[in-house]
C-alpha cells in the first residue's frame, strides 16, 4: 500500500471520529442542499452553525399577534456531544419575541412576521442565544394545506436587511413596515386572509454565534 493511499485512509478515519461531522441543510423552495462542516456541542458551549428543531407552544399570526408578544417553543431532539452525552435535553424551553408584524392588505401584498428567538432554558438555568430560522411550515387561515413549501425567510439584525429567500421584501422592511428589530422575517403569503404558524409547528433554527453554557 503506497504512502498516498495510507494518507487518504487516515484522513477518512479522522473525519469518521466524533467531532467531525458534515450537516446538510435543505432549502424547501430551491430543493438544493448545502453542506457545511460544524463542530458538535460540548457541555460548555453550542457552536455556531448548529441546527436545532423546536416545536411552538403558541399559534403565531399577523392577525392576532403584535410587536412585543412573547412566545415559547421546546427542543424536539436533544443536542448530543462528541462522546454521545446529552448536552441539551429534549424539552428544553426556547423563548422568543415577536419583533415585527405586517398584515396582508390584498392578493398582491404579503403578510410578514419577524420572530426573535432569544433564550434557551433547561435544568433551572437560562442562556442567551442568537439564532436564525432556516425552515418553517405555514398554513393559511380557513384553508387546508400549506401556503408554500417552506416559509419565505430572511435574517434581519437591527435595521439591517439580510438575504430573503424566495421573495423580495427588502424595500418593505427598510421602508419601516416592520420597524427596526432583530429576528428572522417569515413571509406568510399574499392574501386578505392571513397565514398562521400553528401551535405544534416545527421550526428549524441555526445558531449564529456560540451559545455559552457555563
N, C-alpha and C. Protein backbone atom coordinates (compact mmCIF):
# COMPACT_ATOMS: atom_id res chain seq x y z
N UNK A 1 0.86 -1.19 0.00
CA UNK A 1 0.00 0.00 0.00
C UNK A 1 0.89 1.24 0.00
N UNK A 2 0.65 2.13 -0.93
CA UNK A 2 1.51 3.30 -1.10
C UNK A 2 1.27 4.31 0.01
N UNK A 3 2.26 5.20 0.28
CA UNK A 3 2.06 6.24 1.29
C UNK A 3 0.86 7.14 0.99
N UNK A 4 0.59 7.40 -0.29
CA UNK A 4 -0.54 8.27 -0.64
C UNK A 4 -1.86 7.64 -0.23
N UNK A 5 -2.02 6.32 -0.51
CA UNK A 5 -3.25 5.62 -0.12
C UNK A 5 -3.40 5.61 1.39
N UNK A 6 -2.27 5.39 2.10
CA UNK A 6 -2.33 5.41 3.56
C UNK A 6 -2.78 6.76 4.08
N UNK A 7 -2.31 7.84 3.45
CA UNK A 7 -2.70 9.19 3.88
C UNK A 7 -4.19 9.43 3.67
N UNK A 8 -4.72 8.95 2.52
CA UNK A 8 -6.14 9.11 2.24
C UNK A 8 -6.99 8.36 3.26
N UNK A 9 -6.57 7.11 3.57
CA UNK A 9 -7.30 6.32 4.55
C UNK A 9 -7.27 6.98 5.92
N UNK A 10 -6.14 7.56 6.28
CA UNK A 10 -6.03 8.24 7.57
C UNK A 10 -6.97 9.43 7.65
N UNK A 11 -7.08 10.17 6.55
CA UNK A 11 -7.98 11.34 6.53
C UNK A 11 -9.43 10.92 6.66
N UNK A 12 -9.79 9.79 5.99
CA UNK A 12 -11.16 9.31 6.09
C UNK A 12 -11.49 8.86 7.50
N UNK A 13 -10.53 8.19 8.16
CA UNK A 13 -10.74 7.75 9.53
C UNK A 13 -10.88 8.93 10.47
N UNK A 14 -10.13 10.01 10.22
CA UNK A 14 -10.20 11.19 11.06
C UNK A 14 -11.58 11.82 11.00
N UNK A 15 -12.17 11.91 9.80
CA UNK A 15 -13.49 12.52 9.66
C UNK A 15 -14.59 11.63 10.19
N UNK A 16 -14.27 10.36 10.43
CA UNK A 16 -15.27 9.44 10.97
C UNK A 16 -15.32 9.49 12.49
N UNK A 17 -14.36 10.20 13.12
CA UNK A 17 -14.32 10.29 14.56
C UNK A 17 -15.31 11.32 15.06
N UNK A 18 -15.76 11.21 16.34
CA UNK A 18 -16.69 12.20 16.89
C UNK A 18 -16.08 13.59 16.83
N UNK A 19 -16.91 14.59 16.58
CA UNK A 19 -16.45 15.96 16.49
C UNK A 19 -16.22 16.42 15.08
N UNK A 20 -16.20 15.49 14.14
CA UNK A 20 -16.05 15.85 12.73
C UNK A 20 -17.30 15.38 12.00
N UNK A 21 -18.22 16.28 11.75
CA UNK A 21 -19.49 15.93 11.13
C UNK A 21 -19.79 16.86 9.97
N UNK A 22 -20.52 16.34 9.02
CA UNK A 22 -21.00 17.16 7.90
C UNK A 22 -22.51 17.18 7.94
N UNK A 23 -23.08 18.37 8.00
CA UNK A 23 -24.54 18.51 8.08
C UNK A 23 -25.08 18.98 6.76
N UNK A 24 -26.33 18.63 6.47
CA UNK A 24 -27.00 19.07 5.25
C UNK A 24 -28.20 19.92 5.63
N UNK A 25 -28.32 21.04 4.94
CA UNK A 25 -29.47 21.91 5.12
C UNK A 25 -30.23 21.96 3.82
N UNK A 26 -31.51 21.66 3.85
CA UNK A 26 -32.33 21.67 2.64
C UNK A 26 -33.13 22.94 2.57
N UNK A 27 -33.07 23.60 1.41
CA UNK A 27 -33.95 24.72 1.14
C UNK A 27 -35.20 24.18 0.47
N UNK A 28 -36.35 24.29 1.13
CA UNK A 28 -37.58 23.72 0.59
C UNK A 28 -37.95 24.31 -0.75
N UNK A 29 -37.63 25.60 -0.96
CA UNK A 29 -38.08 26.25 -2.18
C UNK A 29 -37.20 25.90 -3.37
N UNK A 30 -35.90 25.80 -3.15
CA UNK A 30 -35.00 25.54 -4.27
C UNK A 30 -34.69 24.06 -4.42
N UNK A 31 -35.02 23.26 -3.36
CA UNK A 31 -34.69 21.84 -3.35
C UNK A 31 -33.18 21.63 -3.48
N UNK A 32 -32.42 22.62 -3.12
CA UNK A 32 -30.96 22.50 -3.18
C UNK A 32 -30.46 22.14 -1.78
N UNK A 33 -29.32 21.47 -1.73
CA UNK A 33 -28.73 21.08 -0.47
C UNK A 33 -27.39 21.80 -0.31
N UNK A 34 -27.15 22.27 0.91
CA UNK A 34 -25.91 22.97 1.20
C UNK A 34 -25.21 22.22 2.33
N UNK A 35 -23.97 21.86 2.12
CA UNK A 35 -23.21 21.13 3.12
C UNK A 35 -22.23 22.08 3.79
N UNK A 36 -22.05 21.91 5.08
CA UNK A 36 -21.04 22.68 5.78
C UNK A 36 -20.56 21.83 6.94
N UNK A 37 -19.31 22.03 7.32
CA UNK A 37 -18.75 21.31 8.45
C UNK A 37 -19.03 22.10 9.72
N UNK A 38 -19.35 21.40 10.78
CA UNK A 38 -19.59 22.08 12.04
C UNK A 38 -19.12 21.20 13.19
N UNK A 39 -18.79 21.84 14.29
CA UNK A 39 -18.40 21.13 15.48
C UNK A 39 -19.64 20.69 16.24
N UNK A 40 -19.47 19.65 17.05
CA UNK A 40 -20.57 19.20 17.88
C UNK A 40 -20.62 20.01 19.17
N UNK A 41 -21.80 20.11 19.78
CA UNK A 41 -21.88 20.82 21.06
C UNK A 41 -21.06 20.12 22.14
N UNK A 42 -20.63 20.88 23.13
CA UNK A 42 -19.95 20.34 24.29
C UNK A 42 -20.74 20.76 25.53
N UNK A 43 -20.31 20.30 26.69
CA UNK A 43 -21.02 20.67 27.92
C UNK A 43 -20.88 22.15 28.22
N UNK A 44 -19.94 22.81 27.54
CA UNK A 44 -19.69 24.23 27.81
C UNK A 44 -20.30 25.16 26.77
N UNK A 45 -20.56 24.67 25.56
CA UNK A 45 -20.98 25.59 24.51
C UNK A 45 -21.67 24.87 23.36
N UNK A 46 -22.59 25.59 22.71
CA UNK A 46 -23.19 25.16 21.44
C UNK A 46 -22.56 26.03 20.36
N UNK A 47 -21.83 25.45 19.41
CA UNK A 47 -21.09 26.25 18.44
C UNK A 47 -21.99 26.87 17.38
N UNK A 48 -21.50 27.89 16.67
CA UNK A 48 -22.26 28.47 15.56
C UNK A 48 -22.51 27.42 14.48
N UNK A 49 -23.63 27.52 13.79
CA UNK A 49 -23.95 26.59 12.71
C UNK A 49 -24.68 25.36 13.16
N UNK A 50 -24.97 25.24 14.47
CA UNK A 50 -25.70 24.09 14.98
C UNK A 50 -27.18 24.21 14.61
N UNK A 51 -27.74 23.14 14.06
CA UNK A 51 -29.16 23.12 13.70
C UNK A 51 -29.97 22.49 14.82
N UNK A 52 -31.05 23.15 15.23
CA UNK A 52 -31.93 22.62 16.26
C UNK A 52 -33.37 22.74 15.77
N UNK A 53 -34.18 21.76 16.11
CA UNK A 53 -35.61 21.80 15.77
C UNK A 53 -36.41 22.09 17.02
N UNK A 54 -37.27 23.11 16.94
CA UNK A 54 -38.11 23.47 18.07
C UNK A 54 -39.57 23.36 17.67
N UNK A 55 -40.43 23.11 18.64
CA UNK A 55 -41.87 22.99 18.41
C UNK A 55 -42.60 24.10 19.16
N UNK A 56 -43.40 24.86 18.44
CA UNK A 56 -44.07 26.02 19.03
C UNK A 56 -45.12 25.62 20.06
N UNK A 57 -45.17 26.35 21.16
CA UNK A 57 -46.22 26.21 22.16
C UNK A 57 -47.35 27.19 21.94
N UNK A 58 -47.15 28.12 21.00
CA UNK A 58 -48.16 29.15 20.72
C UNK A 58 -48.45 29.20 19.23
N UNK A 59 -49.69 29.53 18.89
CA UNK A 59 -50.01 29.84 17.50
C UNK A 59 -49.64 31.30 17.23
N UNK A 60 -48.94 31.53 16.13
CA UNK A 60 -48.50 32.88 15.78
C UNK A 60 -49.12 33.29 14.45
N UNK A 61 -49.60 34.52 14.36
CA UNK A 61 -50.17 35.01 13.11
C UNK A 61 -50.10 36.52 13.08
N UNK A 62 -50.20 37.07 11.87
CA UNK A 62 -50.21 38.53 11.75
C UNK A 62 -51.56 39.11 12.14
N UNK A 63 -52.56 38.27 12.25
CA UNK A 63 -53.89 38.75 12.64
C UNK A 63 -53.99 38.98 14.13
N UNK A 64 -53.42 38.06 14.93
CA UNK A 64 -53.63 38.10 16.37
C UNK A 64 -52.41 38.55 17.15
N UNK A 65 -51.23 38.50 16.57
CA UNK A 65 -50.03 38.87 17.30
C UNK A 65 -49.61 40.30 17.01
N UNK A 66 -48.93 40.89 17.99
CA UNK A 66 -48.43 42.24 17.87
C UNK A 66 -46.96 42.28 18.27
N UNK A 67 -46.28 43.32 17.83
CA UNK A 67 -44.89 43.54 18.22
C UNK A 67 -44.79 43.56 19.74
N UNK A 68 -43.83 42.80 20.26
CA UNK A 68 -43.65 42.73 21.71
C UNK A 68 -44.26 41.50 22.35
N UNK A 69 -45.05 40.73 21.60
CA UNK A 69 -45.62 39.49 22.14
C UNK A 69 -44.52 38.46 22.38
N UNK A 70 -44.62 37.76 23.50
CA UNK A 70 -43.68 36.68 23.79
C UNK A 70 -44.27 35.35 23.33
N UNK A 71 -43.40 34.41 23.00
CA UNK A 71 -43.85 33.06 22.64
C UNK A 71 -42.82 32.05 23.13
N UNK A 72 -43.25 30.81 23.25
CA UNK A 72 -42.39 29.73 23.72
C UNK A 72 -42.36 28.58 22.72
N UNK A 73 -41.26 27.86 22.75
CA UNK A 73 -41.11 26.63 21.97
C UNK A 73 -40.25 25.68 22.80
N UNK A 74 -40.19 24.44 22.38
CA UNK A 74 -39.35 23.49 23.10
C UNK A 74 -38.56 22.62 22.13
N UNK A 75 -37.42 22.18 22.60
CA UNK A 75 -36.49 21.41 21.77
C UNK A 75 -37.04 20.02 21.50
N UNK A 76 -37.14 19.65 20.22
CA UNK A 76 -37.71 18.36 19.84
C UNK A 76 -36.71 17.24 20.06
N UNK A 77 -35.46 17.46 19.68
CA UNK A 77 -34.42 16.43 19.81
C UNK A 77 -33.30 16.95 20.71
N UNK A 78 -32.69 16.08 21.50
CA UNK A 78 -31.58 16.53 22.35
C UNK A 78 -30.35 16.88 21.51
N UNK A 79 -29.53 17.77 22.04
CA UNK A 79 -28.23 18.05 21.43
C UNK A 79 -27.21 17.16 22.10
N UNK A 80 -26.48 16.39 21.30
CA UNK A 80 -25.57 15.37 21.81
C UNK A 80 -24.14 15.76 21.50
N UNK A 81 -23.25 15.57 22.48
CA UNK A 81 -21.85 15.91 22.34
C UNK A 81 -21.05 14.82 21.65
N UNK A 82 -19.73 15.05 21.49
CA UNK A 82 -18.86 14.10 20.77
C UNK A 82 -18.84 12.71 21.39
N UNK A 83 -18.96 12.61 22.70
CA UNK A 83 -18.92 11.30 23.35
C UNK A 83 -20.27 10.65 23.50
N UNK A 84 -21.30 11.24 22.90
CA UNK A 84 -22.64 10.68 23.00
C UNK A 84 -23.42 11.18 24.20
N UNK A 85 -22.81 12.06 25.00
CA UNK A 85 -23.51 12.59 26.17
C UNK A 85 -24.49 13.68 25.75
N UNK A 86 -25.60 13.77 26.46
CA UNK A 86 -26.62 14.78 26.16
C UNK A 86 -26.18 16.12 26.73
N UNK A 87 -26.01 17.10 25.85
CA UNK A 87 -25.60 18.44 26.26
C UNK A 87 -26.83 19.28 26.62
N UNK A 88 -27.85 19.23 25.75
CA UNK A 88 -29.11 19.93 26.00
C UNK A 88 -30.23 18.92 25.80
N UNK A 89 -31.06 18.69 26.81
CA UNK A 89 -32.09 17.65 26.69
C UNK A 89 -33.26 18.07 25.82
N UNK A 90 -33.93 17.09 25.23
CA UNK A 90 -35.20 17.37 24.56
C UNK A 90 -36.17 17.94 25.58
N UNK A 91 -36.98 18.88 25.14
CA UNK A 91 -37.90 19.54 26.06
C UNK A 91 -37.37 20.83 26.63
N UNK A 92 -36.08 21.14 26.39
CA UNK A 92 -35.55 22.43 26.82
C UNK A 92 -36.37 23.55 26.19
N UNK A 93 -36.62 24.59 26.95
CA UNK A 93 -37.51 25.67 26.51
C UNK A 93 -36.73 26.76 25.78
N UNK A 94 -37.25 27.17 24.63
CA UNK A 94 -36.69 28.29 23.88
C UNK A 94 -37.75 29.39 23.86
N UNK A 95 -37.39 30.57 24.34
CA UNK A 95 -38.34 31.68 24.38
C UNK A 95 -37.97 32.72 23.34
N UNK A 96 -38.97 33.42 22.84
CA UNK A 96 -38.74 34.41 21.80
C UNK A 96 -39.69 35.58 21.90
N UNK A 97 -39.49 36.52 20.98
CA UNK A 97 -40.27 37.75 20.96
C UNK A 97 -40.68 38.07 19.53
N UNK A 98 -41.93 38.46 19.34
CA UNK A 98 -42.37 38.97 18.04
C UNK A 98 -41.85 40.40 17.92
N UNK A 99 -41.00 40.66 16.92
CA UNK A 99 -40.38 41.98 16.79
C UNK A 99 -40.90 42.77 15.60
N UNK A 100 -41.85 42.21 14.87
CA UNK A 100 -42.43 42.95 13.76
C UNK A 100 -43.59 42.19 13.15
N UNK A 101 -44.64 42.90 12.77
CA UNK A 101 -45.82 42.29 12.16
C UNK A 101 -46.34 43.20 11.05
N UNK A 102 -46.66 42.61 9.91
CA UNK A 102 -47.30 43.34 8.82
C UNK A 102 -48.39 42.46 8.22
N UNK A 103 -49.64 42.90 8.30
CA UNK A 103 -50.75 42.12 7.76
C UNK A 103 -50.85 42.30 6.25
N UNK A 104 -51.39 41.28 5.59
CA UNK A 104 -51.64 41.37 4.15
C UNK A 104 -52.83 42.28 3.90
N UNK A 105 -52.72 43.12 2.87
CA UNK A 105 -53.81 44.03 2.52
C UNK A 105 -54.51 43.61 1.23
N UNK A 106 -54.12 42.47 0.68
CA UNK A 106 -54.76 42.02 -0.54
C UNK A 106 -53.95 40.94 -1.23
N UNK A 107 -54.44 40.43 -2.36
CA UNK A 107 -53.79 39.32 -3.06
C UNK A 107 -52.36 39.59 -3.50
N UNK A 108 -51.98 40.85 -3.67
CA UNK A 108 -50.63 41.17 -4.14
C UNK A 108 -49.74 41.67 -3.01
N UNK A 109 -50.18 41.53 -1.77
CA UNK A 109 -49.44 42.08 -0.64
C UNK A 109 -49.16 40.98 0.37
N UNK A 110 -47.88 40.71 0.62
CA UNK A 110 -47.50 39.63 1.51
C UNK A 110 -47.61 40.03 2.98
N UNK A 111 -48.12 39.12 3.77
CA UNK A 111 -48.08 39.28 5.23
C UNK A 111 -46.71 38.86 5.73
N UNK A 112 -46.19 39.59 6.72
CA UNK A 112 -44.86 39.32 7.27
C UNK A 112 -44.92 39.26 8.78
N UNK A 113 -44.08 38.43 9.35
CA UNK A 113 -43.91 38.41 10.80
C UNK A 113 -42.43 38.16 11.09
N UNK A 114 -41.91 38.86 12.09
CA UNK A 114 -40.49 38.69 12.43
C UNK A 114 -40.39 38.10 13.84
N UNK A 115 -39.65 37.01 13.95
CA UNK A 115 -39.51 36.28 15.21
C UNK A 115 -38.07 36.30 15.67
N UNK A 116 -37.88 36.61 16.94
CA UNK A 116 -36.53 36.65 17.51
C UNK A 116 -36.47 35.66 18.67
N UNK A 117 -35.84 34.49 18.42
CA UNK A 117 -35.62 33.50 19.47
C UNK A 117 -34.43 33.97 20.31
N UNK A 118 -34.63 34.14 21.61
CA UNK A 118 -33.64 34.84 22.42
C UNK A 118 -32.99 34.03 23.53
N UNK A 119 -33.65 33.00 24.03
CA UNK A 119 -33.16 32.36 25.24
C UNK A 119 -33.45 30.87 25.25
N UNK A 120 -32.48 30.11 25.76
CA UNK A 120 -32.59 28.66 25.93
C UNK A 120 -32.57 28.38 27.43
N UNK A 121 -33.49 27.55 27.92
CA UNK A 121 -33.56 27.26 29.35
C UNK A 121 -33.74 25.77 29.59
N UNK A 122 -32.95 25.22 30.52
CA UNK A 122 -33.09 23.83 30.95
C UNK A 122 -32.35 23.65 32.27
N UNK A 123 -32.76 22.65 33.02
CA UNK A 123 -32.15 22.33 34.32
C UNK A 123 -32.08 23.54 35.24
N UNK A 124 -33.09 24.40 35.19
CA UNK A 124 -33.14 25.52 36.10
C UNK A 124 -32.27 26.71 35.74
N UNK A 125 -31.64 26.68 34.58
CA UNK A 125 -30.79 27.79 34.16
C UNK A 125 -31.19 28.25 32.76
N UNK A 126 -30.88 29.50 32.44
CA UNK A 126 -31.20 30.04 31.12
C UNK A 126 -29.95 30.64 30.49
N UNK A 127 -29.92 30.62 29.15
CA UNK A 127 -28.75 31.07 28.41
C UNK A 127 -29.20 31.90 27.21
N UNK A 128 -28.62 33.08 27.02
CA UNK A 128 -28.96 33.87 25.83
C UNK A 128 -28.48 33.17 24.57
N UNK A 129 -29.23 33.33 23.49
CA UNK A 129 -28.86 32.70 22.23
C UNK A 129 -29.20 33.63 21.08
N UNK A 130 -28.47 33.46 19.99
CA UNK A 130 -28.72 34.24 18.77
C UNK A 130 -28.84 33.24 17.63
N UNK A 131 -30.04 33.13 17.05
CA UNK A 131 -30.30 32.12 16.03
C UNK A 131 -31.08 32.74 14.88
N UNK A 132 -31.14 32.01 13.78
CA UNK A 132 -31.98 32.38 12.65
C UNK A 132 -32.88 31.21 12.30
N UNK A 133 -34.06 31.50 11.80
CA UNK A 133 -34.97 30.46 11.33
C UNK A 133 -34.58 30.09 9.91
N UNK A 134 -34.37 28.81 9.66
CA UNK A 134 -33.98 28.38 8.32
C UNK A 134 -35.05 27.52 7.65
N UNK A 135 -36.06 27.10 8.43
CA UNK A 135 -37.13 26.30 7.82
C UNK A 135 -38.38 26.38 8.68
N UNK A 136 -39.54 26.49 8.03
CA UNK A 136 -40.81 26.51 8.75
C UNK A 136 -41.90 26.03 7.80
N UNK A 137 -43.00 25.54 8.37
CA UNK A 137 -44.13 25.09 7.56
C UNK A 137 -45.35 25.88 7.99
N UNK A 138 -45.97 26.58 7.05
CA UNK A 138 -47.04 27.52 7.37
C UNK A 138 -48.36 27.08 6.77
N UNK A 139 -49.47 27.48 7.41
CA UNK A 139 -50.81 27.17 6.92
C UNK A 139 -51.67 28.43 6.94
N UNK A 140 -52.55 28.53 5.95
CA UNK A 140 -53.41 29.71 5.84
C UNK A 140 -54.71 29.51 6.63
N UNK A 141 -55.17 30.59 7.25
CA UNK A 141 -56.44 30.53 7.98
C UNK A 141 -57.57 30.08 7.05
N UNK A 142 -58.43 29.21 7.58
CA UNK A 142 -59.66 28.77 6.91
C UNK A 142 -59.39 28.00 5.62
N UNK A 143 -58.15 27.60 5.40
CA UNK A 143 -57.84 26.78 4.24
C UNK A 143 -56.96 25.63 4.68
N UNK A 144 -57.07 24.53 4.00
CA UNK A 144 -56.24 23.38 4.33
C UNK A 144 -55.08 23.31 3.36
N UNK A 145 -53.95 22.87 3.85
CA UNK A 145 -52.77 22.75 3.00
C UNK A 145 -51.80 23.89 3.24
N UNK A 146 -50.53 23.65 2.92
CA UNK A 146 -49.51 24.67 3.18
C UNK A 146 -49.64 25.86 2.26
N UNK A 147 -49.26 27.03 2.77
CA UNK A 147 -49.23 28.23 1.95
C UNK A 147 -48.16 28.10 0.87
N UNK A 148 -46.99 27.64 1.30
CA UNK A 148 -45.87 27.44 0.38
C UNK A 148 -45.09 26.24 0.86
N UNK A 149 -44.15 25.79 0.06
CA UNK A 149 -43.27 24.73 0.52
C UNK A 149 -42.17 25.39 1.34
N UNK A 150 -42.43 25.53 2.62
CA UNK A 150 -41.50 26.26 3.47
C UNK A 150 -41.86 27.73 3.50
N UNK A 151 -41.26 28.44 4.43
CA UNK A 151 -41.54 29.86 4.59
C UNK A 151 -40.57 30.69 3.79
N UNK A 152 -40.98 31.91 3.47
CA UNK A 152 -40.05 32.89 2.93
C UNK A 152 -39.33 33.49 4.12
N UNK A 153 -38.04 33.27 4.19
CA UNK A 153 -37.31 33.58 5.41
C UNK A 153 -36.10 34.44 5.11
N UNK A 154 -35.84 35.40 5.98
CA UNK A 154 -34.64 36.20 5.86
C UNK A 154 -34.24 36.71 7.22
N UNK A 155 -32.95 36.93 7.42
CA UNK A 155 -32.46 37.38 8.71
C UNK A 155 -32.33 38.89 8.72
N UNK A 156 -32.73 39.50 9.81
CA UNK A 156 -32.61 40.94 9.97
C UNK A 156 -31.94 41.20 11.31
N UNK A 157 -30.90 42.00 11.33
CA UNK A 157 -30.23 42.38 12.56
C UNK A 157 -30.36 43.88 12.72
N UNK A 158 -31.10 44.33 13.74
CA UNK A 158 -31.39 45.75 13.88
C UNK A 158 -32.22 46.19 12.70
N UNK A 159 -31.78 47.24 12.02
CA UNK A 159 -32.48 47.72 10.83
C UNK A 159 -31.78 47.26 9.57
N UNK A 160 -30.82 46.33 9.68
CA UNK A 160 -30.05 45.88 8.53
C UNK A 160 -30.70 44.65 7.93
N UNK A 161 -31.01 44.70 6.65
CA UNK A 161 -31.69 43.61 5.98
C UNK A 161 -30.70 42.56 5.54
N UNK A 162 -31.00 41.29 5.84
CA UNK A 162 -30.21 40.19 5.34
C UNK A 162 -30.88 39.60 4.11
N UNK A 163 -30.40 38.45 3.65
CA UNK A 163 -30.96 37.83 2.46
C UNK A 163 -32.35 37.30 2.72
N UNK A 164 -33.25 37.51 1.79
CA UNK A 164 -34.60 36.98 1.86
C UNK A 164 -34.70 35.86 0.84
N UNK A 165 -35.03 34.65 1.29
CA UNK A 165 -35.10 33.51 0.40
C UNK A 165 -36.49 33.41 -0.20
N UNK A 166 -36.58 33.48 -1.53
CA UNK A 166 -37.85 33.26 -2.19
C UNK A 166 -38.75 34.46 -2.27
N UNK A 167 -38.25 35.64 -1.99
CA UNK A 167 -39.10 36.82 -2.08
C UNK A 167 -38.28 38.08 -1.93
N UNK A 168 -38.79 39.21 -2.41
CA UNK A 168 -38.07 40.47 -2.32
C UNK A 168 -38.87 41.44 -1.46
N UNK A 169 -38.68 41.30 -0.14
CA UNK A 169 -39.38 42.18 0.78
C UNK A 169 -38.44 43.26 1.31
N UNK A 170 -37.27 43.42 0.68
CA UNK A 170 -36.28 44.36 1.19
C UNK A 170 -36.80 45.76 1.31
N UNK A 171 -37.46 46.27 0.28
CA UNK A 171 -37.97 47.64 0.31
C UNK A 171 -39.00 47.83 1.41
N UNK A 172 -39.84 46.80 1.60
CA UNK A 172 -40.88 46.91 2.62
C UNK A 172 -40.27 47.01 4.01
N UNK A 173 -39.25 46.18 4.27
CA UNK A 173 -38.66 46.18 5.60
C UNK A 173 -37.87 47.45 5.84
N UNK A 174 -37.01 47.81 4.87
CA UNK A 174 -36.21 49.02 5.01
C UNK A 174 -37.12 50.23 5.12
N UNK A 175 -38.24 50.21 4.44
CA UNK A 175 -39.18 51.32 4.49
C UNK A 175 -39.90 51.46 5.81
N UNK A 176 -39.69 50.54 6.71
CA UNK A 176 -40.24 50.68 8.05
C UNK A 176 -41.56 49.99 8.28
N UNK A 177 -42.00 49.11 7.38
CA UNK A 177 -43.27 48.44 7.60
C UNK A 177 -43.22 47.50 8.80
N UNK A 178 -42.03 46.95 9.05
CA UNK A 178 -41.87 46.11 10.23
C UNK A 178 -41.20 46.87 11.37
N UNK A 179 -40.52 47.97 11.04
CA UNK A 179 -39.78 48.69 12.05
C UNK A 179 -38.46 48.00 12.34
N UNK A 180 -37.60 48.67 13.08
CA UNK A 180 -36.31 48.11 13.44
C UNK A 180 -36.49 46.98 14.44
N UNK A 181 -35.65 45.98 14.34
CA UNK A 181 -35.72 44.87 15.29
C UNK A 181 -34.95 43.68 14.80
N UNK A 182 -34.50 42.86 15.74
CA UNK A 182 -33.75 41.65 15.40
C UNK A 182 -34.71 40.51 15.13
N UNK A 183 -34.21 39.47 14.47
CA UNK A 183 -35.01 38.28 14.25
C UNK A 183 -35.03 37.84 12.81
N UNK A 184 -35.80 36.80 12.54
CA UNK A 184 -35.97 36.24 11.20
C UNK A 184 -37.35 36.61 10.67
N UNK A 185 -37.38 37.10 9.42
CA UNK A 185 -38.64 37.52 8.81
C UNK A 185 -39.24 36.35 8.04
N UNK A 186 -40.49 36.03 8.33
CA UNK A 186 -41.20 34.97 7.62
C UNK A 186 -42.32 35.57 6.80
N UNK A 187 -42.33 35.28 5.49
CA UNK A 187 -43.42 35.70 4.63
C UNK A 187 -44.56 34.71 4.74
N UNK A 188 -45.75 35.18 5.11
CA UNK A 188 -46.87 34.29 5.37
C UNK A 188 -47.86 34.20 4.22
N UNK A 189 -47.45 34.66 3.04
CA UNK A 189 -48.32 34.54 1.89
C UNK A 189 -49.09 35.81 1.60
N UNK A 190 -49.53 35.97 0.35
CA UNK A 190 -50.26 37.16 -0.09
C UNK A 190 -51.74 36.83 -0.20
N UNK A 191 -52.54 37.42 0.66
CA UNK A 191 -53.98 37.20 0.62
C UNK A 191 -54.62 38.11 1.65
N UNK A 192 -55.90 38.33 1.51
CA UNK A 192 -56.63 39.07 2.53
C UNK A 192 -56.83 38.22 3.78
N UNK A 193 -56.64 36.91 3.65
CA UNK A 193 -56.70 36.01 4.80
C UNK A 193 -55.28 35.70 5.22
N UNK A 194 -54.89 36.13 6.41
CA UNK A 194 -53.51 35.96 6.85
C UNK A 194 -53.20 34.49 7.12
N UNK A 195 -51.92 34.17 7.02
CA UNK A 195 -51.47 32.82 7.35
C UNK A 195 -51.09 32.76 8.82
N UNK A 196 -50.99 31.54 9.31
CA UNK A 196 -50.60 31.34 10.71
C UNK A 196 -49.49 30.30 10.78
N UNK A 197 -48.75 30.35 11.88
CA UNK A 197 -47.84 29.28 12.25
C UNK A 197 -48.50 28.60 13.45
N UNK A 198 -49.16 27.45 13.24
CA UNK A 198 -49.96 26.87 14.32
C UNK A 198 -49.11 26.35 15.47
N UNK A 199 -49.71 26.32 16.64
CA UNK A 199 -49.10 25.65 17.78
C UNK A 199 -48.79 24.21 17.39
N UNK A 200 -47.59 23.75 17.76
CA UNK A 200 -47.16 22.41 17.39
C UNK A 200 -46.35 22.36 16.12
N UNK A 201 -46.20 23.51 15.44
CA UNK A 201 -45.38 23.54 14.23
C UNK A 201 -43.90 23.42 14.59
N UNK A 202 -43.16 22.74 13.74
CA UNK A 202 -41.72 22.61 13.93
C UNK A 202 -40.98 23.65 13.11
N UNK A 203 -40.04 24.34 13.73
CA UNK A 203 -39.18 25.29 13.05
C UNK A 203 -37.74 24.85 13.25
N UNK A 204 -36.95 24.93 12.19
CA UNK A 204 -35.53 24.63 12.29
C UNK A 204 -34.76 25.93 12.48
N UNK A 205 -33.95 25.96 13.53
CA UNK A 205 -33.14 27.13 13.86
C UNK A 205 -31.67 26.80 13.66
N UNK A 206 -30.89 27.82 13.33
CA UNK A 206 -29.43 27.65 13.22
C UNK A 206 -28.76 28.70 14.10
N UNK A 207 -27.86 28.26 14.96
CA UNK A 207 -27.17 29.21 15.83
C UNK A 207 -26.23 30.08 15.00
N UNK A 208 -26.27 31.39 15.28
CA UNK A 208 -25.46 32.35 14.55
C UNK A 208 -24.19 32.72 15.30
N UNK A 209 -24.14 32.36 16.56
CA UNK A 209 -22.95 32.59 17.38
C UNK A 209 -22.92 31.53 18.47
N UNK A 210 -21.82 31.44 19.18
CA UNK A 210 -21.69 30.44 20.23
C UNK A 210 -22.67 30.70 21.37
N UNK A 211 -23.35 29.65 21.80
CA UNK A 211 -24.22 29.73 22.98
C UNK A 211 -23.42 29.22 24.17
N UNK A 212 -23.05 30.12 25.06
CA UNK A 212 -22.22 29.78 26.21
C UNK A 212 -23.07 29.11 27.28
N UNK A 213 -22.73 27.88 27.64
CA UNK A 213 -23.50 27.11 28.62
C UNK A 213 -22.84 27.09 29.99
N UNK A 214 -21.82 27.91 30.20
CA UNK A 214 -21.15 27.92 31.51
C UNK A 214 -21.90 28.78 32.51
